[in-house]
Amino acid sequence: MTIKPIRSDDDLKRALVRLEKIFQAEEGTAHADERDVLVTLIEAYENKHYDFGPADPVEAIKFRMEQEGLTARDLEPFIGQSGRVSEVLNRKRGLSLRMVKRLHDGLNIPYETLLARGR
């Protein structure tokens, strides 16, 4: 594993290509260690050089659902009954502080993302 700092957008592109190749590495392997280091370097570079603006809470929830293979029903312990989940995902209802805490604790979505103003 040869890890180098990311100093330019070209370095970033190379790191992303490499990350894509090793992203599914089995935990405890050298490739998994390399993946973790690359993720940290990529995040640091992007945070320094790109302004993504505040995240959208609903998009963050949907992204986590996609990552974890979750359905709307899987969100019920965090948000409430299916109707309430639907309202949140369709932007007809905002997140309560209780929902924010449960989503943070259960799905590890950052508080700052869940508390950001939706788009």
N, C-alpha and C. Protein backbone atom coordinates (compact mmCIF):
# COMPACT_ATOMS: atom_id res chain seq x y z
N MET A 1 0.85 -1.17 0.00
CA MET A 1 0.00 0.00 0.00
C MET A 1 0.90 1.23 0.00
N THR A 2 0.75 2.06 -1.02
CA THR A 2 1.47 3.32 -1.09
C THR A 2 0.45 4.44 -1.05
N ILE A 3 0.43 5.16 0.05
CA ILE A 3 -0.51 6.25 0.24
C ILE A 3 0.25 7.56 0.10
N LYS A 4 -0.32 8.48 -0.67
CA LYS A 4 0.28 9.79 -0.85
C LYS A 4 -0.76 10.85 -0.53
N PRO A 5 -0.30 12.02 -0.10
CA PRO A 5 -1.26 13.10 0.15
C PRO A 5 -2.02 13.47 -1.12
N ILE A 6 -3.21 13.98 -0.94
CA ILE A 6 -4.01 14.47 -2.05
C ILE A 6 -3.81 15.98 -2.09
N ARG A 7 -3.13 16.46 -3.15
CA ARG A 7 -2.79 17.88 -3.25
C ARG A 7 -3.45 18.58 -4.42
N SER A 8 -4.11 17.81 -5.28
CA SER A 8 -4.73 18.42 -6.46
C SER A 8 -5.96 17.62 -6.85
N ASP A 9 -6.75 18.17 -7.76
CA ASP A 9 -7.92 17.45 -8.25
C ASP A 9 -7.51 16.18 -9.00
N ASP A 10 -6.36 16.21 -9.66
CA ASP A 10 -5.88 14.98 -10.33
C ASP A 10 -5.55 13.90 -9.31
N ASP A 11 -4.91 14.30 -8.19
CA ASP A 11 -4.65 13.35 -7.12
C ASP A 11 -5.96 12.79 -6.58
N LEU A 12 -6.95 13.66 -6.45
CA LEU A 12 -8.26 13.25 -5.95
C LEU A 12 -8.89 12.22 -6.88
N LYS A 13 -8.83 12.47 -8.17
CA LYS A 13 -9.40 11.52 -9.14
C LYS A 13 -8.72 10.16 -9.04
N ARG A 14 -7.40 10.16 -8.91
CA ARG A 14 -6.67 8.89 -8.78
C ARG A 14 -7.08 8.16 -7.49
N ALA A 15 -7.22 8.92 -6.41
CA ALA A 15 -7.62 8.31 -5.14
C ALA A 15 -9.03 7.72 -5.24
N LEU A 16 -9.94 8.42 -5.91
CA LEU A 16 -11.30 7.93 -6.07
C LEU A 16 -11.35 6.66 -6.92
N VAL A 17 -10.54 6.62 -7.97
CA VAL A 17 -10.48 5.42 -8.80
C VAL A 17 -9.98 4.24 -7.98
N ARG A 18 -8.94 4.48 -7.19
CA ARG A 18 -8.40 3.40 -6.35
C ARG A 18 -9.42 2.97 -5.30
N LEU A 19 -10.09 3.95 -4.69
CA LEU A 19 -11.09 3.65 -3.68
C LEU A 19 -12.20 2.79 -4.25
N GLU A 20 -12.62 3.09 -5.45
CA GLU A 20 -13.68 2.30 -6.09
C GLU A 20 -13.27 0.83 -6.23
N LYS A 21 -12.00 0.60 -6.50
CA LYS A 21 -11.52 -0.77 -6.68
C LYS A 21 -11.47 -1.56 -5.38
N ILE A 22 -11.24 -0.88 -4.27
CA ILE A 22 -11.05 -1.59 -3.00
C ILE A 22 -12.18 -1.33 -2.00
N PHE A 23 -13.23 -0.67 -2.43
CA PHE A 23 -14.29 -0.24 -1.51
C PHE A 23 -14.93 -1.39 -0.76
N GLN A 24 -15.09 -2.54 -1.38
CA GLN A 24 -15.75 -3.69 -0.75
C GLN A 24 -14.77 -4.62 -0.04
N ALA A 25 -13.59 -4.12 0.27
CA ALA A 25 -12.57 -4.96 0.91
C ALA A 25 -13.07 -5.52 2.24
N GLU A 26 -12.67 -6.74 2.52
CA GLU A 26 -13.04 -7.41 3.77
C GLU A 26 -12.31 -6.75 4.94
N GLU A 27 -13.07 -6.48 6.00
CA GLU A 27 -12.48 -5.86 7.20
C GLU A 27 -11.30 -6.68 7.69
N GLY A 28 -10.29 -5.97 8.20
CA GLY A 28 -9.12 -6.64 8.75
C GLY A 28 -8.04 -6.93 7.72
N THR A 29 -8.29 -6.57 6.46
CA THR A 29 -7.29 -6.81 5.42
C THR A 29 -6.52 -5.52 5.12
N ALA A 30 -5.41 -5.67 4.43
CA ALA A 30 -4.60 -4.51 4.04
C ALA A 30 -5.41 -3.58 3.14
N HIS A 31 -6.25 -4.16 2.27
CA HIS A 31 -7.07 -3.33 1.39
C HIS A 31 -8.11 -2.54 2.18
N ALA A 32 -8.64 -3.13 3.24
CA ALA A 32 -9.60 -2.40 4.09
C ALA A 32 -8.90 -1.25 4.79
N ASP A 33 -7.67 -1.47 5.24
CA ASP A 33 -6.90 -0.39 5.87
C ASP A 33 -6.64 0.72 4.85
N GLU A 34 -6.27 0.34 3.66
CA GLU A 34 -6.01 1.32 2.60
C GLU A 34 -7.29 2.11 2.30
N ARG A 35 -8.41 1.42 2.22
CA ARG A 35 -9.70 2.07 1.97
C ARG A 35 -9.98 3.13 3.04
N ASP A 36 -9.79 2.76 4.29
CA ASP A 36 -10.08 3.68 5.39
C ASP A 36 -9.19 4.91 5.34
N VAL A 37 -7.93 4.73 5.02
CA VAL A 37 -7.00 5.86 4.91
C VAL A 37 -7.40 6.74 3.73
N LEU A 38 -7.72 6.13 2.60
CA LEU A 38 -8.13 6.91 1.43
C LEU A 38 -9.40 7.72 1.70
N VAL A 39 -10.36 7.14 2.38
CA VAL A 39 -11.59 7.86 2.70
C VAL A 39 -11.27 9.09 3.54
N THR A 40 -10.39 8.94 4.51
CA THR A 40 -10.01 10.07 5.36
C THR A 40 -9.32 11.16 4.54
N LEU A 41 -8.40 10.77 3.68
CA LEU A 41 -7.69 11.74 2.85
C LEU A 41 -8.63 12.45 1.88
N ILE A 42 -9.52 11.69 1.27
CA ILE A 42 -10.48 12.27 0.32
C ILE A 42 -11.40 13.26 1.03
N GLU A 43 -11.92 12.87 2.19
CA GLU A 43 -12.80 13.77 2.94
C GLU A 43 -12.07 15.05 3.33
N ALA A 44 -10.83 14.92 3.78
CA ALA A 44 -10.07 16.10 4.19
C ALA A 44 -9.85 17.04 3.00
N TYR A 45 -9.49 16.49 1.86
CA TYR A 45 -9.27 17.31 0.67
C TYR A 45 -10.56 17.99 0.23
N GLU A 46 -11.65 17.22 0.16
CA GLU A 46 -12.92 17.79 -0.29
C GLU A 46 -13.43 18.85 0.68
N ASN A 47 -13.29 18.62 1.97
CA ASN A 47 -13.74 19.62 2.95
C ASN A 47 -12.96 20.92 2.83
N LYS A 48 -11.69 20.81 2.47
CA LYS A 48 -10.85 21.99 2.35
C LYS A 48 -11.09 22.75 1.04
N HIS A 49 -11.38 22.02 -0.04
CA HIS A 49 -11.41 22.63 -1.36
C HIS A 49 -12.80 22.79 -1.99
N TYR A 50 -13.82 22.17 -1.42
CA TYR A 50 -15.14 22.24 -2.01
C TYR A 50 -16.15 22.64 -0.94
N ASP A 51 -17.04 23.55 -1.31
CA ASP A 51 -18.12 23.95 -0.42
C ASP A 51 -19.39 23.26 -0.89
N PHE A 52 -19.76 22.21 -0.19
CA PHE A 52 -20.96 21.47 -0.56
C PHE A 52 -22.21 22.09 0.02
N GLY A 53 -22.06 23.05 0.91
CA GLY A 53 -23.21 23.66 1.55
C GLY A 53 -23.83 22.70 2.54
N PRO A 54 -24.82 23.16 3.25
CA PRO A 54 -25.45 22.28 4.23
C PRO A 54 -26.17 21.12 3.54
N ALA A 55 -26.08 19.99 4.17
CA ALA A 55 -26.74 18.80 3.64
C ALA A 55 -28.25 18.90 3.82
N ASP A 56 -28.97 18.19 3.01
CA ASP A 56 -30.42 18.14 3.11
C ASP A 56 -30.79 16.93 3.96
N PRO A 57 -31.55 17.13 5.05
CA PRO A 57 -31.87 16.01 5.94
C PRO A 57 -32.57 14.84 5.24
N VAL A 58 -33.54 15.13 4.39
CA VAL A 58 -34.28 14.05 3.73
C VAL A 58 -33.35 13.29 2.77
N GLU A 59 -32.52 14.02 2.05
CA GLU A 59 -31.58 13.34 1.15
C GLU A 59 -30.59 12.50 1.94
N ALA A 60 -30.18 12.97 3.11
CA ALA A 60 -29.27 12.19 3.95
C ALA A 60 -29.94 10.90 4.42
N ILE A 61 -31.20 10.99 4.78
CA ILE A 61 -31.93 9.79 5.20
C ILE A 61 -32.05 8.82 4.03
N LYS A 62 -32.42 9.33 2.86
CA LYS A 62 -32.55 8.47 1.69
C LYS A 62 -31.22 7.84 1.31
N PHE A 63 -30.15 8.60 1.43
CA PHE A 63 -28.82 8.08 1.13
C PHE A 63 -28.47 6.94 2.08
N ARG A 64 -28.74 7.13 3.38
CA ARG A 64 -28.45 6.09 4.35
C ARG A 64 -29.31 4.86 4.08
N MET A 65 -30.56 5.08 3.69
CA MET A 65 -31.43 3.95 3.34
C MET A 65 -30.82 3.15 2.21
N GLU A 66 -30.35 3.86 1.19
CA GLU A 66 -29.74 3.19 0.04
C GLU A 66 -28.48 2.43 0.46
N GLN A 67 -27.65 3.07 1.28
CA GLN A 67 -26.41 2.44 1.75
C GLN A 67 -26.68 1.15 2.50
N GLU A 68 -27.70 1.18 3.35
CA GLU A 68 -27.98 0.07 4.25
C GLU A 68 -29.03 -0.90 3.70
N GLY A 69 -29.59 -0.59 2.52
CA GLY A 69 -30.63 -1.44 1.96
C GLY A 69 -31.91 -1.40 2.78
N LEU A 70 -32.24 -0.24 3.32
CA LEU A 70 -33.41 -0.09 4.17
C LEU A 70 -34.64 0.31 3.37
N THR A 71 -35.79 -0.05 3.88
CA THR A 71 -37.07 0.37 3.30
C THR A 71 -37.68 1.41 4.21
N ALA A 72 -38.77 2.00 3.75
CA ALA A 72 -39.49 2.98 4.57
C ALA A 72 -39.95 2.33 5.88
N ARG A 73 -40.34 1.09 5.82
CA ARG A 73 -40.78 0.38 7.03
C ARG A 73 -39.65 0.30 8.06
N ASP A 74 -38.41 0.17 7.59
CA ASP A 74 -37.27 0.10 8.50
C ASP A 74 -37.06 1.40 9.27
N LEU A 75 -37.63 2.49 8.77
CA LEU A 75 -37.48 3.79 9.44
C LEU A 75 -38.49 4.02 10.55
N GLU A 76 -39.49 3.16 10.64
CA GLU A 76 -40.54 3.36 11.64
C GLU A 76 -40.03 3.47 13.07
N PRO A 77 -39.03 2.69 13.49
CA PRO A 77 -38.55 2.85 14.86
C PRO A 77 -37.93 4.24 15.12
N PHE A 78 -37.49 4.91 14.07
CA PHE A 78 -36.82 6.20 14.21
C PHE A 78 -37.77 7.38 14.01
N ILE A 79 -38.76 7.20 13.13
CA ILE A 79 -39.63 8.31 12.74
C ILE A 79 -41.05 8.14 13.25
N GLY A 80 -41.56 6.94 13.25
CA GLY A 80 -42.93 6.69 13.67
C GLY A 80 -43.65 5.83 12.65
N GLN A 81 -44.96 5.80 12.73
CA GLN A 81 -45.77 4.95 11.85
C GLN A 81 -45.52 5.26 10.38
N SER A 82 -45.93 4.34 9.52
CA SER A 82 -45.63 4.43 8.10
C SER A 82 -46.11 5.74 7.48
N GLY A 83 -47.25 6.23 7.91
CA GLY A 83 -47.75 7.49 7.37
C GLY A 83 -46.81 8.64 7.68
N ARG A 84 -46.28 8.65 8.87
CA ARG A 84 -45.34 9.71 9.27
C ARG A 84 -44.04 9.58 8.49
N VAL A 85 -43.56 8.36 8.31
CA VAL A 85 -42.34 8.13 7.52
C VAL A 85 -42.54 8.68 6.11
N SER A 86 -43.68 8.37 5.51
CA SER A 86 -43.99 8.84 4.17
C SER A 86 -44.02 10.36 4.11
N GLU A 87 -44.63 10.98 5.11
CA GLU A 87 -44.70 12.44 5.14
C GLU A 87 -43.30 13.06 5.21
N VAL A 88 -42.44 12.47 6.04
CA VAL A 88 -41.07 12.99 6.15
C VAL A 88 -40.33 12.82 4.83
N LEU A 89 -40.38 11.62 4.25
CA LEU A 89 -39.64 11.37 3.01
C LEU A 89 -40.18 12.18 1.83
N ASN A 90 -41.45 12.58 1.90
CA ASN A 90 -42.04 13.40 0.84
C ASN A 90 -42.05 14.89 1.20
N ARG A 91 -41.34 15.24 2.26
CA ARG A 91 -41.17 16.63 2.69
C ARG A 91 -42.46 17.32 3.09
N LYS A 92 -43.43 16.55 3.56
CA LYS A 92 -44.69 17.13 4.02
C LYS A 92 -44.68 17.34 5.53
N ARG A 93 -43.68 16.77 6.18
CA ARG A 93 -43.53 16.91 7.64
C ARG A 93 -42.04 17.05 7.92
N GLY A 94 -41.72 17.97 8.81
CA GLY A 94 -40.34 18.15 9.23
C GLY A 94 -39.97 17.13 10.30
N LEU A 95 -38.70 17.05 10.58
CA LEU A 95 -38.21 16.15 11.62
C LEU A 95 -38.36 16.81 12.99
N SER A 96 -38.87 16.06 13.93
CA SER A 96 -38.92 16.55 15.31
C SER A 96 -37.57 16.28 15.95
N LEU A 97 -37.31 16.90 17.08
CA LEU A 97 -36.05 16.65 17.78
C LEU A 97 -35.93 15.19 18.21
N ARG A 98 -37.04 14.59 18.56
CA ARG A 98 -37.03 13.17 18.93
C ARG A 98 -36.62 12.30 17.74
N MET A 99 -37.18 12.61 16.56
CA MET A 99 -36.81 11.86 15.35
C MET A 99 -35.32 12.05 15.05
N VAL A 100 -34.84 13.29 15.17
CA VAL A 100 -33.44 13.59 14.90
C VAL A 100 -32.55 12.74 15.81
N LYS A 101 -32.86 12.71 17.08
CA LYS A 101 -32.05 11.93 18.03
C LYS A 101 -32.07 10.45 17.67
N ARG A 102 -33.25 9.93 17.37
CA ARG A 102 -33.36 8.50 17.03
C ARG A 102 -32.61 8.18 15.73
N LEU A 103 -32.73 9.04 14.72
CA LEU A 103 -32.03 8.81 13.46
C LEU A 103 -30.52 8.88 13.66
N HIS A 104 -30.09 9.82 14.47
CA HIS A 104 -28.66 9.94 14.75
C HIS A 104 -28.16 8.69 15.48
N ASP A 105 -28.86 8.32 16.54
CA ASP A 105 -28.42 7.17 17.34
C ASP A 105 -28.52 5.86 16.58
N GLY A 106 -29.60 5.70 15.80
CA GLY A 106 -29.84 4.43 15.13
C GLY A 106 -29.16 4.26 13.79
N LEU A 107 -29.03 5.36 13.04
CA LEU A 107 -28.47 5.26 11.69
C LEU A 107 -27.17 6.04 11.52
N ASN A 108 -26.71 6.65 12.60
CA ASN A 108 -25.45 7.40 12.59
C ASN A 108 -25.42 8.52 11.57
N ILE A 109 -26.54 9.19 11.39
CA ILE A 109 -26.59 10.37 10.53
C ILE A 109 -26.22 11.55 11.43
N PRO A 110 -25.27 12.38 11.03
CA PRO A 110 -24.83 13.47 11.89
C PRO A 110 -25.97 14.44 12.25
N TYR A 111 -25.92 14.91 13.49
CA TYR A 111 -26.92 15.88 13.94
C TYR A 111 -26.98 17.10 13.02
N GLU A 112 -25.80 17.62 12.65
CA GLU A 112 -25.78 18.84 11.83
C GLU A 112 -26.48 18.62 10.49
N THR A 113 -26.45 17.44 9.97
CA THR A 113 -27.15 17.12 8.72
C THR A 113 -28.65 17.06 8.96
N LEU A 114 -29.06 16.39 10.02
CA LEU A 114 -30.47 16.22 10.31
C LEU A 114 -31.14 17.54 10.71
N LEU A 115 -30.35 18.45 11.26
CA LEU A 115 -30.90 19.73 11.71
C LEU A 115 -30.79 20.84 10.67
N ALA A 116 -30.13 20.54 9.55
CA ALA A 116 -30.00 21.55 8.49
C ALA A 116 -31.35 21.82 7.85
N ARG A 117 -31.48 22.99 7.31
CA ARG A 117 -32.73 23.32 6.61
C ARG A 117 -32.79 22.53 5.32
N GLY A 118 -33.93 21.89 5.07
CA GLY A 118 -34.11 21.14 3.83
C GLY A 118 -34.15 22.05 2.63
N ARG A 119 -33.93 21.49 1.48
CA ARG A 119 -33.91 22.30 0.24
C ARG A 119 -35.31 22.50 -0.29
